[in-house]
Amino acid sequence: MSKTYRGKGLIKLQSRGRGTCPSCKTRRIKLLYEIILLDGSKLRVCKRCRKKR
């Protein structure tokens, strides 16, 4: 059976969680992963950039 709640959290995010990755500059990609920089600020990146760090 299909799951009716799949992706429900994405719908609540701005632009459905999509944007331009600040690390690799890829456009229209899901930015779902937060990384913490050395100065303590948080940055949302794509799946590929999260694996690099």
PDB file of N, CA and C in Angstrom:
ATOM      1  N   MET A   1       0.836  -1.192   0.000  1.00  0.00           N
ATOM      2  CA  MET A   1       0.000   0.000   0.000  1.00  0.00           C
ATOM      3  C   MET A   1       0.877   1.251   0.000  1.00  0.00           C
ATOM      4  N   SER A   2       0.376   2.281  -0.621  1.00  0.00           N
ATOM      5  CA  SER A   2       1.124   3.524  -0.644  1.00  0.00           C
ATOM      6  C   SER A   2       0.970   4.247   0.695  1.00  0.00           C
ATOM      7  N   LYS A   3       1.909   5.107   0.973  1.00  0.00           N
ATOM      8  CA  LYS A   3       1.904   5.846   2.234  1.00  0.00           C
ATOM      9  C   LYS A   3       1.476   7.286   1.963  1.00  0.00           C
ATOM     10  N   THR A   4       0.413   7.714   2.595  1.00  0.00           N
ATOM     11  CA  THR A   4      -0.143   9.039   2.318  1.00  0.00           C
ATOM     12  C   THR A   4       0.667  10.154   2.951  1.00  0.00           C
ATOM     13  N   TYR A   5       1.496   9.852   3.915  1.00  0.00           N
ATOM     14  CA  TYR A   5       2.240  10.890   4.612  1.00  0.00           C
ATOM     15  C   TYR A   5       3.655  11.070   4.069  1.00  0.00           C
ATOM     16  N   ARG A   6       4.009  10.398   3.006  1.00  0.00           N
ATOM     17  CA  ARG A   6       5.359  10.483   2.454  1.00  0.00           C
ATOM     18  C   ARG A   6       5.601  11.877   1.882  1.00  0.00           C
ATOM     19  N   GLY A   7       6.665  12.538   2.304  1.00  0.00           N
ATOM     20  CA  GLY A   7       7.004  13.868   1.817  1.00  0.00           C
ATOM     21  C   GLY A   7       6.243  14.982   2.493  1.00  0.00           C
ATOM     22  N   LYS A   8       5.525  14.691   3.561  1.00  0.00           N
ATOM     23  CA  LYS A   8       4.708  15.706   4.233  1.00  0.00           C
ATOM     24  C   LYS A   8       5.572  16.822   4.811  1.00  0.00           C
ATOM     25  N   GLY A   9       6.740  16.484   5.312  1.00  0.00           N
ATOM     26  CA  GLY A   9       7.631  17.496   5.875  1.00  0.00           C
ATOM     27  C   GLY A   9       8.194  18.432   4.829  1.00  0.00           C
ATOM     28  N   LEU A  10       8.348  17.967   3.605  1.00  0.00           N
ATOM     29  CA  LEU A  10       8.868  18.812   2.529  1.00  0.00           C
ATOM     30  C   LEU A  10       7.869  19.869   2.104  1.00  0.00           C
ATOM     31  N   ILE A  11       6.602  19.542   2.159  1.00  0.00           N
ATOM     32  CA  ILE A  11       5.576  20.489   1.726  1.00  0.00           C
ATOM     33  C   ILE A  11       5.552  21.719   2.631  1.00  0.00           C
ATOM     34  N   LYS A  12       5.890  21.550   3.888  1.00  0.00           N
ATOM     35  CA  LYS A  12       5.869  22.664   4.834  1.00  0.00           C
ATOM     36  C   LYS A  12       7.067  23.599   4.674  1.00  0.00           C
ATOM     37  N   LEU A  13       8.150  23.141   4.052  1.00  0.00           N
ATOM     38  CA  LEU A  13       9.339  23.970   3.883  1.00  0.00           C
ATOM     39  C   LEU A  13       9.142  24.993   2.763  1.00  0.00           C
ATOM     40  N   GLN A  14       9.917  26.057   2.845  1.00  0.00           N
ATOM     41  CA  GLN A  14       9.861  27.090   1.824  1.00  0.00           C
ATOM     42  C   GLN A  14      10.358  26.498   0.502  1.00  0.00           C
ATOM     43  N   SER A  15       9.653  26.720  -0.578  1.00  0.00           N
ATOM     44  CA  SER A  15       9.950  26.199  -1.913  1.00  0.00           C
ATOM     45  C   SER A  15      10.064  24.678  -1.905  1.00  0.00           C
ATOM     46  N   ARG A  16       9.346  24.053  -0.995  1.00  0.00           N
ATOM     47  CA  ARG A  16       9.355  22.589  -0.840  1.00  0.00           C
ATOM     48  C   ARG A  16      10.753  22.023  -0.627  1.00  0.00           C
ATOM     49  N   GLY A  17      11.616  22.815   0.037  1.00  0.00           N
ATOM     50  CA  GLY A  17      12.955  22.362   0.381  1.00  0.00           C
ATOM     51  C   GLY A  17      13.969  22.476  -0.739  1.00  0.00           C
ATOM     52  N   ARG A  18      13.607  23.157  -1.815  1.00  0.00           N
ATOM     53  CA  ARG A  18      14.520  23.260  -2.946  1.00  0.00           C
ATOM     54  C   ARG A  18      15.135  24.651  -3.024  1.00  0.00           C
ATOM     55  N   GLY A  19      16.317  24.702  -3.609  1.00  0.00           N
ATOM     56  CA  GLY A  19      16.995  25.974  -3.778  1.00  0.00           C
ATOM     57  C   GLY A  19      18.346  25.750  -4.430  1.00  0.00           C
ATOM     58  N   THR A  20      19.253  26.718  -4.277  1.00  0.00           N
ATOM     59  CA  THR A  20      20.606  26.626  -4.806  1.00  0.00           C
ATOM     60  C   THR A  20      21.548  26.285  -3.670  1.00  0.00           C
ATOM     61  N   CYS A  21      22.320  25.236  -3.856  1.00  0.00           N
ATOM     62  CA  CYS A  21      23.269  24.811  -2.828  1.00  0.00           C
ATOM     63  C   CYS A  21      24.392  25.840  -2.722  1.00  0.00           C
ATOM     64  N   PRO A  22      24.667  26.350  -1.529  1.00  0.00           N
ATOM     65  CA  PRO A  22      25.710  27.363  -1.396  1.00  0.00           C
ATOM     66  C   PRO A  22      27.119  26.804  -1.576  1.00  0.00           C
ATOM     67  N   SER A  23      27.280  25.516  -1.479  1.00  0.00           N
ATOM     68  CA  SER A  23      28.599  24.910  -1.585  1.00  0.00           C
ATOM     69  C   SER A  23      28.972  24.602  -3.035  1.00  0.00           C
ATOM     70  N   CYS A  24      28.117  23.874  -3.750  1.00  0.00           N
ATOM     71  CA  CYS A  24      28.437  23.451  -5.123  1.00  0.00           C
ATOM     72  C   CYS A  24      27.719  24.282  -6.186  1.00  0.00           C
ATOM     73  N   LYS A  25      26.851  25.194  -5.780  1.00  0.00           N
ATOM     74  CA  LYS A  25      26.110  26.101  -6.685  1.00  0.00           C
ATOM     75  C   LYS A  25      25.147  25.374  -7.625  1.00  0.00           C
ATOM     76  N   THR A  26      24.732  24.161  -7.281  1.00  0.00           N
ATOM     77  CA  THR A  26      23.737  23.446  -8.069  1.00  0.00           C
ATOM     78  C   THR A  26      22.378  24.071  -7.817  1.00  0.00           C
ATOM     79  N   ARG A  27      21.628  24.331  -8.891  1.00  0.00           N
ATOM     80  CA  ARG A  27      20.334  24.998  -8.757  1.00  0.00           C
ATOM     81  C   ARG A  27      19.208  23.975  -8.710  1.00  0.00           C
ATOM     82  N   ARG A  28      18.073  24.368  -8.101  1.00  0.00           N
ATOM     83  CA  ARG A  28      16.839  23.568  -8.031  1.00  0.00           C
ATOM     84  C   ARG A  28      17.076  22.177  -7.444  1.00  0.00           C
ATOM     85  N   ILE A  29      17.836  22.114  -6.354  1.00  0.00           N
ATOM     86  CA  ILE A  29      18.141  20.839  -5.710  1.00  0.00           C
ATOM     87  C   ILE A  29      17.623  20.898  -4.277  1.00  0.00           C
ATOM     88  N   LYS A  30      17.306  19.755  -3.697  1.00  0.00           N
ATOM     89  CA  LYS A  30      16.792  19.720  -2.331  1.00  0.00           C
ATOM     90  C   LYS A  30      17.906  20.032  -1.337  1.00  0.00           C
ATOM     91  N   LEU A  31      17.643  20.990  -0.470  1.00  0.00           N
ATOM     92  CA  LEU A  31      18.595  21.388   0.565  1.00  0.00           C
ATOM     93  C   LEU A  31      18.060  20.907   1.908  1.00  0.00           C
ATOM     94  N   LEU A  32      18.342  19.675   2.238  1.00  0.00           N
ATOM     95  CA  LEU A  32      17.736  19.059   3.406  1.00  0.00           C
ATOM     96  C   LEU A  32      18.702  18.833   4.551  1.00  0.00           C
ATOM     97  N   TYR A  33      19.976  19.065   4.340  1.00  0.00           N
ATOM     98  CA  TYR A  33      20.969  18.694   5.343  1.00  0.00           C
ATOM     99  C   TYR A  33      21.654  19.932   5.899  1.00  0.00           C
ATOM    100  N   GLU A  34      21.716  20.021   7.223  1.00  0.00           N
ATOM    101  CA  GLU A  34      22.368  21.149   7.877  1.00  0.00           C
ATOM    102  C   GLU A  34      23.779  20.760   8.259  1.00  0.00           C
ATOM    103  N   ILE A  35      24.717  21.643   7.977  1.00  0.00           N
ATOM    104  CA  ILE A  35      26.075  21.465   8.467  1.00  0.00           C
ATOM    105  C   ILE A  35      26.395  22.669   9.334  1.00  0.00           C
ATOM    106  N   ILE A  36      27.214  22.464  10.326  1.00  0.00           N
ATOM    107  CA  ILE A  36      27.606  23.535  11.235  1.00  0.00           C
ATOM    108  C   ILE A  36      29.013  23.970  10.864  1.00  0.00           C
ATOM    109  N   LEU A  37      29.171  25.240  10.575  1.00  0.00           N
ATOM    110  CA  LEU A  37      30.468  25.785  10.202  1.00  0.00           C
ATOM    111  C   LEU A  37      31.306  26.055  11.435  1.00  0.00           C
ATOM    112  N   LEU A  38      32.576  26.397  11.231  1.00  0.00           N
ATOM    113  CA  LEU A  38      33.480  26.623  12.350  1.00  0.00           C
ATOM    114  C   LEU A  38      33.057  27.794  13.234  1.00  0.00           C
ATOM    115  N   ASP A  39      32.428  28.804  12.644  1.00  0.00           N
ATOM    116  CA  ASP A  39      32.002  29.956  13.445  1.00  0.00           C
ATOM    117  C   ASP A  39      30.685  29.710  14.169  1.00  0.00           C
ATOM    118  N   GLY A  40      30.100  28.511  14.017  1.00  0.00           N
ATOM    119  CA  GLY A  40      28.883  28.159  14.737  1.00  0.00           C
ATOM    120  C   GLY A  40      27.600  28.359  13.952  1.00  0.00           C
ATOM    121  N   SER A  41      27.687  28.942  12.781  1.00  0.00           N
ATOM    122  CA  SER A  41      26.478  29.158  11.988  1.00  0.00           C
ATOM    123  C   SER A  41      26.095  27.881  11.252  1.00  0.00           C
ATOM    124  N   LYS A  42      24.814  27.759  10.919  1.00  0.00           N
ATOM    125  CA  LYS A  42      24.304  26.580  10.233  1.00  0.00           C
ATOM    126  C   LYS A  42      24.082  26.910   8.762  1.00  0.00           C
ATOM    127  N   LEU A  43      24.285  25.903   7.930  1.00  0.00           N
ATOM    128  CA  LEU A  43      24.150  26.074   6.499  1.00  0.00           C
ATOM    129  C   LEU A  43      23.434  24.858   5.943  1.00  0.00           C
ATOM    130  N   ARG A  44      22.433  25.062   5.089  1.00  0.00           N
ATOM    131  CA  ARG A  44      21.705  23.942   4.473  1.00  0.00           C
ATOM    132  C   ARG A  44      22.342  23.622   3.135  1.00  0.00           C
ATOM    133  N   VAL A  45      22.718  22.345   2.957  1.00  0.00           N
ATOM    134  CA  VAL A  45      23.382  21.913   1.731  1.00  0.00           C
ATOM    135  C   VAL A  45      22.668  20.693   1.155  1.00  0.00           C
ATOM    136  N   CYS A  46      23.072  20.306  -0.059  1.00  0.00           N
ATOM    137  CA  CYS A  46      22.481  19.147  -0.724  1.00  0.00           C
ATOM    138  C   CYS A  46      23.136  17.856  -0.227  1.00  0.00           C
ATOM    139  N   LYS A  47      22.629  16.754  -0.690  1.00  0.00           N
ATOM    140  CA  LYS A  47      23.098  15.440  -0.259  1.00  0.00           C
ATOM    141  C   LYS A  47      24.562  15.202  -0.657  1.00  0.00           C
ATOM    142  N   ARG A  48      24.934  15.615  -1.856  1.00  0.00           N
ATOM    143  CA  ARG A  48      26.296  15.389  -2.318  1.00  0.00           C
ATOM    144  C   ARG A  48      27.314  16.178  -1.497  1.00  0.00           C
ATOM    145  N   CYS A  49      26.976  17.420  -1.151  1.00  0.00           N
ATOM    146  CA  CYS A  49      27.897  18.248  -0.368  1.00  0.00           C
ATOM    147  C   CYS A  49      27.977  17.792   1.085  1.00  0.00           C
ATOM    148  N   ARG A  50      26.916  17.206   1.586  1.00  0.00           N
ATOM    149  CA  ARG A  50      26.945  16.696   2.954  1.00  0.00           C
ATOM    150  C   ARG A  50      27.921  15.530   3.042  1.00  0.00           C
ATOM    151  N   LYS A  51      27.990  14.697   2.017  1.00  0.00           N
ATOM    152  CA  LYS A  51      28.896  13.557   2.028  1.00  0.00           C
ATOM    153  C   LYS A  51      30.352  13.983   1.898  1.00  0.00           C
ATOM    154  N   LYS A  52      30.611  15.116   1.255  1.00  0.00           N
ATOM    155  CA  LYS A  52      31.980  15.602   1.096  1.00  0.00           C
ATOM    156  C   LYS A  52      32.591  16.016   2.418  1.00  0.00           C
ATOM    157  N   ARG A  53      31.774  16.501   3.336  1.00  0.00           N
ATOM    158  CA  ARG A  53      32.297  17.035   4.591  1.00  0.00           C
ATOM    159  C   ARG A  53      32.371  16.028   5.669  1.00  0.00           C
TER     160      ARG A  53
END
